[in-house]
Amino acid sequence: MLKEKICDHLENLNIKLPTTYSCEECVKTGDTWVHLRTCQECGITLCCDSSPNKHASKHARAHGHPVTISAEPGETWAYCYEHRLMKMNVR
């Protein structure tokens, strides 16, 4: 059985669940999104990199918040932007 490669950011998660199903930044500008991600540092929910504005990854770089989880119903993965690693089944 192969062991999943995980960084310290993903190994020590204290999951912050999304409190809303909308990108806070897109709502301000009237834009749309494709999928949503929730920052595991501050809990903000923002749009993914498939969305026009890519707010989640911009937030991660600007604020140094490395880990996000999918805010999509039924998806249970986390992603570390810093180490470019994913962890499945985090909740």
PDB file of N, CA and C in Angstrom:
ATOM      1  N   MET A   1       0.843  -1.182   0.000  1.00  0.00           N
ATOM      2  CA  MET A   1       0.000   0.000   0.000  1.00  0.00           C
ATOM      3  C   MET A   1       0.892   1.250   0.000  1.00  0.00           C
ATOM      4  N   LEU A   2       0.620   2.183  -0.896  1.00  0.00           N
ATOM      5  CA  LEU A   2       1.408   3.408  -0.982  1.00  0.00           C
ATOM      6  C   LEU A   2       0.946   4.424   0.049  1.00  0.00           C
ATOM      7  N   LYS A   3       1.898   5.073   0.681  1.00  0.00           N
ATOM      8  CA  LYS A   3       1.568   6.125   1.643  1.00  0.00           C
ATOM      9  C   LYS A   3       1.423   7.442   0.893  1.00  0.00           C
ATOM     10  N   GLU A   4       0.341   8.163   1.193  1.00  0.00           N
ATOM     11  CA  GLU A   4       0.082   9.458   0.577  1.00  0.00           C
ATOM     12  C   GLU A   4       1.108  10.472   1.082  1.00  0.00           C
ATOM     13  N   LYS A   5       1.727  11.227   0.165  1.00  0.00           N
ATOM     14  CA  LYS A   5       2.697  12.251   0.553  1.00  0.00           C
ATOM     15  C   LYS A   5       1.928  13.473   1.056  1.00  0.00           C
ATOM     16  N   ILE A   6       2.184  13.854   2.298  1.00  0.00           N
ATOM     17  CA  ILE A   6       1.457  14.949   2.938  1.00  0.00           C
ATOM     18  C   ILE A   6       2.458  15.886   3.602  1.00  0.00           C
ATOM     19  N   CYS A   7       2.221  17.188   3.482  1.00  0.00           N
ATOM     20  CA  CYS A   7       3.056  18.174   4.158  1.00  0.00           C
ATOM     21  C   CYS A   7       2.502  18.443   5.560  1.00  0.00           C
ATOM     22  N   ASP A   8       3.256  19.186   6.360  1.00  0.00           N
ATOM     23  CA  ASP A   8       2.803  19.519   7.713  1.00  0.00           C
ATOM     24  C   ASP A   8       1.510  20.316   7.701  1.00  0.00           C
ATOM     25  N   HIS A   9       1.335  21.185   6.697  1.00  0.00           N
ATOM     26  CA  HIS A   9       0.094  21.976   6.617  1.00  0.00           C
ATOM     27  C   HIS A   9      -1.127  21.072   6.510  1.00  0.00           C
ATOM     28  N   LEU A  10      -1.036  20.038   5.690  1.00  0.00           N
ATOM     29  CA  LEU A  10      -2.162  19.132   5.498  1.00  0.00           C
ATOM     30  C   LEU A  10      -2.293  18.133   6.635  1.00  0.00           C
ATOM     31  N   GLU A  11      -1.181  17.763   7.216  1.00  0.00           N
ATOM     32  CA  GLU A  11      -1.194  16.777   8.295  1.00  0.00           C
ATOM     33  C   GLU A  11      -1.873  17.320   9.551  1.00  0.00           C
ATOM     34  N   ASN A  12      -1.745  18.612   9.799  1.00  0.00           N
ATOM     35  CA  ASN A  12      -2.233  19.212  11.043  1.00  0.00           C
ATOM     36  C   ASN A  12      -3.459  20.098  10.845  1.00  0.00           C
ATOM     37  N   LEU A  13      -4.368  19.677   9.993  1.00  0.00           N
ATOM     38  CA  LEU A  13      -5.565  20.474   9.713  1.00  0.00           C
ATOM     39  C   LEU A  13      -6.570  20.461  10.853  1.00  0.00           C
ATOM     40  N   ASN A  14      -7.158  21.604  11.093  1.00  0.00           N
ATOM     41  CA  ASN A  14      -8.315  21.748  11.963  1.00  0.00           C
ATOM     42  C   ASN A  14      -9.389  22.338  11.053  1.00  0.00           C
ATOM     43  N   ILE A  15     -10.195  21.495  10.458  1.00  0.00           N
ATOM     44  CA  ILE A  15     -11.082  21.871   9.353  1.00  0.00           C
ATOM     45  C   ILE A  15     -12.037  23.007   9.714  1.00  0.00           C
ATOM     46  N   LYS A  16     -12.013  24.029   8.856  1.00  0.00           N
ATOM     47  CA  LYS A  16     -12.980  25.124   8.910  1.00  0.00           C
ATOM     48  C   LYS A  16     -13.942  24.902   7.748  1.00  0.00           C
ATOM     49  N   LEU A  17     -15.185  24.606   8.052  1.00  0.00           N
ATOM     50  CA  LEU A  17     -16.187  24.363   7.023  1.00  0.00           C
ATOM     51  C   LEU A  17     -16.706  25.675   6.452  1.00  0.00           C
ATOM     52  N   PRO A  18     -17.154  25.666   5.209  1.00  0.00           N
ATOM     53  CA  PRO A  18     -17.709  26.892   4.622  1.00  0.00           C
ATOM     54  C   PRO A  18     -18.972  27.316   5.365  1.00  0.00           C
ATOM     55  N   THR A  19     -19.141  28.602   5.534  1.00  0.00           N
ATOM     56  CA  THR A  19     -20.349  29.126   6.180  1.00  0.00           C
ATOM     57  C   THR A  19     -21.322  29.690   5.151  1.00  0.00           C
ATOM     58  N   THR A  20     -20.875  29.779   3.902  1.00  0.00           N
ATOM     59  CA  THR A  20     -21.692  30.304   2.824  1.00  0.00           C
ATOM     60  C   THR A  20     -21.331  29.573   1.545  1.00  0.00           C
ATOM     61  N   TYR A  21     -22.232  29.565   0.579  1.00  0.00           N
ATOM     62  CA  TYR A  21     -21.930  28.963  -0.708  1.00  0.00           C
ATOM     63  C   TYR A  21     -21.888  30.056  -1.766  1.00  0.00           C
ATOM     64  N   SER A  22     -20.909  30.941  -1.604  1.00  0.00           N
ATOM     65  CA  SER A  22     -20.673  32.013  -2.570  1.00  0.00           C
ATOM     66  C   SER A  22     -19.260  32.532  -2.374  1.00  0.00           C
ATOM     67  N   CYS A  23     -18.689  33.090  -3.453  1.00  0.00           N
ATOM     68  CA  CYS A  23     -17.374  33.719  -3.367  1.00  0.00           C
ATOM     69  C   CYS A  23     -17.582  35.143  -2.872  1.00  0.00           C
ATOM     70  N   GLU A  24     -17.040  35.444  -1.714  1.00  0.00           N
ATOM     71  CA  GLU A  24     -17.243  36.763  -1.114  1.00  0.00           C
ATOM     72  C   GLU A  24     -16.766  37.890  -2.022  1.00  0.00           C
ATOM     73  N   GLU A  25     -15.663  37.684  -2.738  1.00  0.00           N
ATOM     74  CA  GLU A  25     -15.123  38.725  -3.617  1.00  0.00           C
ATOM     75  C   GLU A  25     -15.938  38.858  -4.902  1.00  0.00           C
ATOM     76  N   CYS A  26     -16.374  37.752  -5.486  1.00  0.00           N
ATOM     77  CA  CYS A  26     -17.195  37.815  -6.701  1.00  0.00           C
ATOM     78  C   CYS A  26     -18.539  38.483  -6.422  1.00  0.00           C
ATOM     79  N   VAL A  27     -19.096  38.234  -5.251  1.00  0.00           N
ATOM     80  CA  VAL A  27     -20.372  38.865  -4.885  1.00  0.00           C
ATOM     81  C   VAL A  27     -20.217  40.386  -4.875  1.00  0.00           C
ATOM     82  N   LYS A  28     -19.093  40.875  -4.362  1.00  0.00           N
ATOM     83  CA  LYS A  28     -18.851  42.325  -4.295  1.00  0.00           C
ATOM     84  C   LYS A  28     -18.823  42.970  -5.678  1.00  0.00           C
ATOM     85  N   THR A  29     -18.298  42.226  -6.684  1.00  0.00           N
ATOM     86  CA  THR A  29     -18.138  42.796  -8.019  1.00  0.00           C
ATOM     87  C   THR A  29     -19.193  42.320  -9.009  1.00  0.00           C
ATOM     88  N   GLY A  30     -20.088  41.450  -8.565  1.00  0.00           N
ATOM     89  CA  GLY A  30     -21.140  40.945  -9.445  1.00  0.00           C
ATOM     90  C   GLY A  30     -20.653  39.898 -10.428  1.00  0.00           C
ATOM     91  N   ASP A  31     -19.514  39.276 -10.142  1.00  0.00           N
ATOM     92  CA  ASP A  31     -18.967  38.243 -11.016  1.00  0.00           C
ATOM     93  C   ASP A  31     -19.511  36.868 -10.646  1.00  0.00           C
ATOM     94  N   THR A  32     -19.190  35.880 -11.483  1.00  0.00           N
ATOM     95  CA  THR A  32     -19.618  34.502 -11.240  1.00  0.00           C
ATOM     96  C   THR A  32     -18.404  33.634 -10.962  1.00  0.00           C
ATOM     97  N   TRP A  33     -18.641  32.425 -10.481  1.00  0.00           N
ATOM     98  CA  TRP A  33     -17.582  31.476 -10.166  1.00  0.00           C
ATOM     99  C   TRP A  33     -17.978  30.102 -10.667  1.00  0.00           C
ATOM    100  N   VAL A  34     -16.983  29.203 -10.717  1.00  0.00           N
ATOM    101  CA  VAL A  34     -17.206  27.828 -11.145  1.00  0.00           C
ATOM    102  C   VAL A  34     -17.352  26.916  -9.928  1.00  0.00           C
ATOM    103  N   HIS A  35     -16.331  26.909  -9.057  1.00  0.00           N
ATOM    104  CA  HIS A  35     -16.331  26.109  -7.833  1.00  0.00           C
ATOM    105  C   HIS A  35     -15.827  26.982  -6.695  1.00  0.00           C
ATOM    106  N   LEU A  36     -16.072  26.527  -5.479  1.00  0.00           N
ATOM    107  CA  LEU A  36     -15.682  27.307  -4.303  1.00  0.00           C
ATOM    108  C   LEU A  36     -14.705  26.550  -3.420  1.00  0.00           C
ATOM    109  N   ARG A  37     -13.827  27.320  -2.763  1.00  0.00           N
ATOM    110  CA  ARG A  37     -12.818  26.786  -1.843  1.00  0.00           C
ATOM    111  C   ARG A  37     -12.873  27.587  -0.548  1.00  0.00           C
ATOM    112  N   THR A  38     -12.598  26.937   0.575  1.00  0.00           N
ATOM    113  CA  THR A  38     -12.603  27.610   1.870  1.00  0.00           C
ATOM    114  C   THR A  38     -11.194  27.600   2.459  1.00  0.00           C
ATOM    115  N   CYS A  39     -10.680  28.782   2.748  1.00  0.00           N
ATOM    116  CA  CYS A  39      -9.355  28.941   3.347  1.00  0.00           C
ATOM    117  C   CYS A  39      -9.349  28.319   4.744  1.00  0.00           C
ATOM    118  N   GLN A  40      -8.342  27.517   5.012  1.00  0.00           N
ATOM    119  CA  GLN A  40      -8.254  26.848   6.307  1.00  0.00           C
ATOM    120  C   GLN A  40      -7.518  27.656   7.357  1.00  0.00           C
ATOM    121  N   GLU A  41      -7.079  28.819   6.990  1.00  0.00           N
ATOM    122  CA  GLU A  41      -6.458  29.731   7.942  1.00  0.00           C
ATOM    123  C   GLU A  41      -7.507  30.683   8.521  1.00  0.00           C
ATOM    124  N   CYS A  42      -8.285  31.325   7.650  1.00  0.00           N
ATOM    125  CA  CYS A  42      -9.227  32.351   8.110  1.00  0.00           C
ATOM    126  C   CYS A  42     -10.696  32.016   7.853  1.00  0.00           C
ATOM    127  N   GLY A  43     -10.976  30.977   7.058  1.00  0.00           N
ATOM    128  CA  GLY A  43     -12.350  30.540   6.850  1.00  0.00           C
ATOM    129  C   GLY A  43     -13.108  31.216   5.721  1.00  0.00           C
ATOM    130  N   ILE A  44     -12.482  32.132   4.982  1.00  0.00           N
ATOM    131  CA  ILE A  44     -13.171  32.803   3.884  1.00  0.00           C
ATOM    132  C   ILE A  44     -13.400  31.809   2.737  1.00  0.00           C
ATOM    133  N   THR A  45     -14.544  31.914   2.083  1.00  0.00           N
ATOM    134  CA  THR A  45     -14.856  31.072   0.934  1.00  0.00           C
ATOM    135  C   THR A  45     -14.738  31.915  -0.327  1.00  0.00           C
ATOM    136  N   LEU A  46     -13.927  31.409  -1.275  1.00  0.00           N
ATOM    137  CA  LEU A  46     -13.614  32.137  -2.502  1.00  0.00           C
ATOM    138  C   LEU A  46     -13.634  31.188  -3.693  1.00  0.00           C
ATOM    139  N   CYS A  47     -13.551  31.747  -4.904  1.00  0.00           N
ATOM    140  CA  CYS A  47     -13.644  30.948  -6.124  1.00  0.00           C
ATOM    141  C   CYS A  47     -12.321  30.273  -6.489  1.00  0.00           C
ATOM    142  N   CYS A  48     -12.455  29.169  -7.226  1.00  0.00           N
ATOM    143  CA  CYS A  48     -11.317  28.323  -7.621  1.00  0.00           C
ATOM    144  C   CYS A  48     -10.568  28.878  -8.826  1.00  0.00           C
ATOM    145  N   ASP A  49      -9.510  28.182  -9.211  1.00  0.00           N
ATOM    146  CA  ASP A  49      -8.695  28.614 -10.352  1.00  0.00           C
ATOM    147  C   ASP A  49      -9.370  28.367 -11.700  1.00  0.00           C
ATOM    148  N   SER A  50     -10.454  27.623 -11.749  1.00  0.00           N
ATOM    149  CA  SER A  50     -11.235  27.481 -12.985  1.00  0.00           C
ATOM    150  C   SER A  50     -12.177  28.664 -13.177  1.00  0.00           C
ATOM    151  N   SER A  51     -12.349  29.460 -12.146  1.00  0.00           N
ATOM    152  CA  SER A  51     -13.192  30.652 -12.198  1.00  0.00           C
ATOM    153  C   SER A  51     -12.396  31.819 -12.770  1.00  0.00           C
ATOM    154  N   PRO A  52     -13.063  32.782 -13.390  1.00  0.00           N
ATOM    155  CA  PRO A  52     -12.354  33.902 -14.022  1.00  0.00           C
ATOM    156  C   PRO A  52     -11.414  34.670 -13.085  1.00  0.00           C
ATOM    157  N   ASN A  53     -11.810  34.869 -11.834  1.00  0.00           N
ATOM    158  CA  ASN A  53     -11.025  35.713 -10.931  1.00  0.00           C
ATOM    159  C   ASN A  53     -10.021  34.976 -10.056  1.00  0.00           C
ATOM    160  N   LYS A  54     -10.154  33.686  -9.903  1.00  0.00           N
ATOM    161  CA  LYS A  54      -9.198  32.866  -9.138  1.00  0.00           C
ATOM    162  C   LYS A  54      -8.925  33.441  -7.747  1.00  0.00           C
ATOM    163  N   HIS A  55      -9.977  33.850  -7.061  1.00  0.00           N
ATOM    164  CA  HIS A  55      -9.809  34.534  -5.780  1.00  0.00           C
ATOM    165  C   HIS A  55      -9.147  33.672  -4.692  1.00  0.00           C
ATOM    166  N   ALA A  56      -9.412  32.367  -4.661  1.00  0.00           N
ATOM    167  CA  ALA A  56      -8.848  31.527  -3.592  1.00  0.00           C
ATOM    168  C   ALA A  56      -7.328  31.482  -3.667  1.00  0.00           C
ATOM    169  N   SER A  57      -6.769  31.249  -4.848  1.00  0.00           N
ATOM    170  CA  SER A  57      -5.305  31.180  -4.944  1.00  0.00           C
ATOM    171  C   SER A  57      -4.669  32.560  -4.786  1.00  0.00           C
ATOM    172  N   LYS A  58      -5.343  33.606  -5.248  1.00  0.00           N
ATOM    173  CA  LYS A  58      -4.830  34.967  -5.021  1.00  0.00           C
ATOM    174  C   LYS A  58      -4.783  35.273  -3.527  1.00  0.00           C
ATOM    175  N   HIS A  59      -5.820  34.864  -2.812  1.00  0.00           N
ATOM    176  CA  HIS A  59      -5.883  35.057  -1.356  1.00  0.00           C
ATOM    177  C   HIS A  59      -4.743  34.297  -0.673  1.00  0.00           C
ATOM    178  N   ALA A  60      -4.516  33.051  -1.083  1.00  0.00           N
ATOM    179  CA  ALA A  60      -3.459  32.233  -0.480  1.00  0.00           C
ATOM    180  C   ALA A  60      -2.096  32.899  -0.642  1.00  0.00           C
ATOM    181  N   ARG A  61      -1.810  33.406  -1.844  1.00  0.00           N
ATOM    182  CA  ARG A  61      -0.516  34.067  -2.089  1.00  0.00           C
ATOM    183  C   ARG A  61      -0.406  35.393  -1.329  1.00  0.00           C
ATOM    184  N   ALA A  62      -1.457  36.192  -1.350  1.00  0.00           N
ATOM    185  CA  ALA A  62      -1.410  37.524  -0.731  1.00  0.00           C
ATOM    186  C   ALA A  62      -1.318  37.469   0.782  1.00  0.00           C
ATOM    187  N   HIS A  63      -1.941  36.465   1.388  1.00  0.00           N
ATOM    188  CA  HIS A  63      -2.020  36.407   2.849  1.00  0.00           C
ATOM    189  C   HIS A  63      -1.169  35.305   3.478  1.00  0.00           C
ATOM    190  N   GLY A  64      -0.531  34.480   2.652  1.00  0.00           N
ATOM    191  CA  GLY A  64       0.289  33.401   3.194  1.00  0.00           C
ATOM    192  C   GLY A  64      -0.528  32.324   3.867  1.00  0.00           C
ATOM    193  N   HIS A  65      -1.742  32.096   3.369  1.00  0.00           N
ATOM    194  CA  HIS A  65      -2.621  31.053   3.900  1.00  0.00           C
ATOM    195  C   HIS A  65      -2.538  29.853   2.947  1.00  0.00           C
ATOM    196  N   PRO A  66      -1.760  28.833   3.288  1.00  0.00           N
ATOM    197  CA  PRO A  66      -1.420  27.798   2.318  1.00  0.00           C
ATOM    198  C   PRO A  66      -2.496  26.767   1.990  1.00  0.00           C
ATOM    199  N   VAL A  67      -3.446  26.519   2.887  1.00  0.00           N
ATOM    200  CA  VAL A  67      -4.351  25.384   2.676  1.00  0.00           C
ATOM    201  C   VAL A  67      -5.787  25.828   2.459  1.00  0.00           C
ATOM    202  N   THR A  68      -6.419  25.164   1.496  1.00  0.00           N
ATOM    203  CA  THR A  68      -7.832  25.378   1.216  1.00  0.00           C
ATOM    204  C   THR A  68      -8.514  24.020   1.138  1.00  0.00           C
ATOM    205  N   ILE A  69      -9.809  23.987   1.390  1.00  0.00           N
ATOM    206  CA  ILE A  69     -10.590  22.774   1.157  1.00  0.00           C
ATOM    207  C   ILE A  69     -11.651  23.095   0.114  1.00  0.00           C
ATOM    208  N   SER A  70     -12.142  22.060  -0.529  1.00  0.00           N
ATOM    209  CA  SER A  70     -13.258  22.251  -1.439  1.00  0.00           C
ATOM    210  C   SER A  70     -14.492  22.593  -0.619  1.00  0.00           C
ATOM    211  N   ALA A  71     -15.228  23.604  -1.074  1.00  0.00           N
ATOM    212  CA  ALA A  71     -16.496  23.963  -0.427  1.00  0.00           C
ATOM    213  C   ALA A  71     -17.665  23.331  -1.183  1.00  0.00           C
ATOM    214  N   GLU A  72     -17.357  22.480  -2.159  1.00  0.00           N
ATOM    215  CA  GLU A  72     -18.389  21.840  -2.963  1.00  0.00           C
ATOM    216  C   GLU A  72     -19.019  20.683  -2.186  1.00  0.00           C
ATOM    217  N   PRO A  73     -20.343  20.583  -2.211  1.00  0.00           N
ATOM    218  CA  PRO A  73     -21.021  19.465  -1.532  1.00  0.00           C
ATOM    219  C   PRO A  73     -20.490  18.121  -2.021  1.00  0.00           C
ATOM    220  N   GLY A  74     -20.178  17.243  -1.081  1.00  0.00           N
ATOM    221  CA  GLY A  74     -19.715  15.905  -1.406  1.00  0.00           C
ATOM    222  C   GLY A  74     -18.221  15.787  -1.651  1.00  0.00           C
ATOM    223  N   GLU A  75     -17.493  16.895  -1.770  1.00  0.00           N
ATOM    224  CA  GLU A  75     -16.044  16.841  -1.961  1.00  0.00           C
ATOM    225  C   GLU A  75     -15.351  17.008  -0.619  1.00  0.00           C
ATOM    226  N   THR A  76     -14.357  16.164  -0.362  1.00  0.00           N
ATOM    227  CA  THR A  76     -13.733  16.130   0.965  1.00  0.00           C
ATOM    228  C   THR A  76     -12.211  16.228   0.901  1.00  0.00           C
ATOM    229  N   TRP A  77     -11.688  17.014  -0.018  1.00  0.00           N
ATOM    230  CA  TRP A  77     -10.243  17.132  -0.159  1.00  0.00           C
ATOM    231  C   TRP A  77      -9.744  18.496   0.296  1.00  0.00           C
ATOM    232  N   ALA A  78      -8.448  18.522   0.615  1.00  0.00           N
ATOM    233  CA  ALA A  78      -7.742  19.763   0.965  1.00  0.00           C
ATOM    234  C   ALA A  78      -6.536  19.882   0.046  1.00  0.00           C
ATOM    235  N   TYR A  79      -6.113  21.123  -0.202  1.00  0.00           N
ATOM    236  CA  TYR A  79      -4.971  21.379  -1.079  1.00  0.00           C
ATOM    237  C   TYR A  79      -4.050  22.395  -0.422  1.00  0.00           C
ATOM    238  N   CYS A  80      -2.737  22.099  -0.474  1.00  0.00           N
ATOM    239  CA  CYS A  80      -1.726  23.027   0.023  1.00  0.00           C
ATOM    240  C   CYS A  80      -1.102  23.726  -1.170  1.00  0.00           C
ATOM    241  N   TYR A  81      -1.336  25.024  -1.300  1.00  0.00           N
ATOM    242  CA  TYR A  81      -0.757  25.809  -2.389  1.00  0.00           C
ATOM    243  C   TYR A  81       0.764  25.850  -2.298  1.00  0.00           C
ATOM    244  N   GLU A  82       1.287  25.952  -1.090  1.00  0.00           N
ATOM    245  CA  GLU A  82       2.735  26.075  -0.909  1.00  0.00           C
ATOM    246  C   GLU A  82       3.491  24.848  -1.413  1.00  0.00           C
ATOM    247  N   HIS A  83       3.001  23.667  -1.068  1.00  0.00           N
ATOM    248  CA  HIS A  83       3.697  22.435  -1.425  1.00  0.00           C
ATOM    249  C   HIS A  83       3.076  21.714  -2.620  1.00  0.00           C
ATOM    250  N   ARG A  84       1.979  22.256  -3.131  1.00  0.00           N
ATOM    251  CA  ARG A  84       1.262  21.674  -4.278  1.00  0.00           C
ATOM    252  C   ARG A  84       0.902  20.213  -4.022  1.00  0.00           C
ATOM    253  N   LEU A  85       0.337  19.980  -2.837  1.00  0.00           N
ATOM    254  CA  LEU A  85      -0.076  18.638  -2.448  1.00  0.00           C
ATOM    255  C   LEU A  85      -1.561  18.637  -2.080  1.00  0.00           C
ATOM    256  N   MET A  86      -2.179  17.490  -2.291  1.00  0.00           N
ATOM    257  CA  MET A  86      -3.596  17.327  -1.974  1.00  0.00           C
ATOM    258  C   MET A  86      -3.754  16.188  -0.972  1.00  0.00           C
ATOM    259  N   LYS A  87      -4.728  16.343  -0.097  1.00  0.00           N
ATOM    260  CA  LYS A  87      -5.074  15.267   0.847  1.00  0.00           C
ATOM    261  C   LYS A  87      -6.559  14.980   0.653  1.00  0.00           C
ATOM    262  N   MET A  88      -6.879  13.711   0.490  1.00  0.00           N
ATOM    263  CA  MET A  88      -8.257  13.284   0.285  1.00  0.00           C
ATOM    264  C   MET A  88      -8.908  12.948   1.634  1.00  0.00           C
ATOM    265  N   ASN A  89     -10.227  12.960   1.642  1.00  0.00           N
ATOM    266  CA  ASN A  89     -11.030  12.511   2.801  1.00  0.00           C
ATOM    267  C   ASN A  89     -10.667  13.248   4.089  1.00  0.00           C
ATOM    268  N   VAL A  90     -10.687  14.584   4.057  1.00  0.00           N
ATOM    269  CA  VAL A  90     -10.309  15.347   5.245  1.00  0.00           C
ATOM    270  C   VAL A  90     -11.471  15.605   6.191  1.00  0.00           C
ATOM    271  N   ARG A  91     -12.675  15.270   5.791  1.00  0.00           N
ATOM    272  CA  ARG A  91     -13.810  15.419   6.704  1.00  0.00           C
ATOM    273  C   ARG A  91     -14.805  14.334   6.538  1.00  0.00           C
TER     274      ARG A  91
END
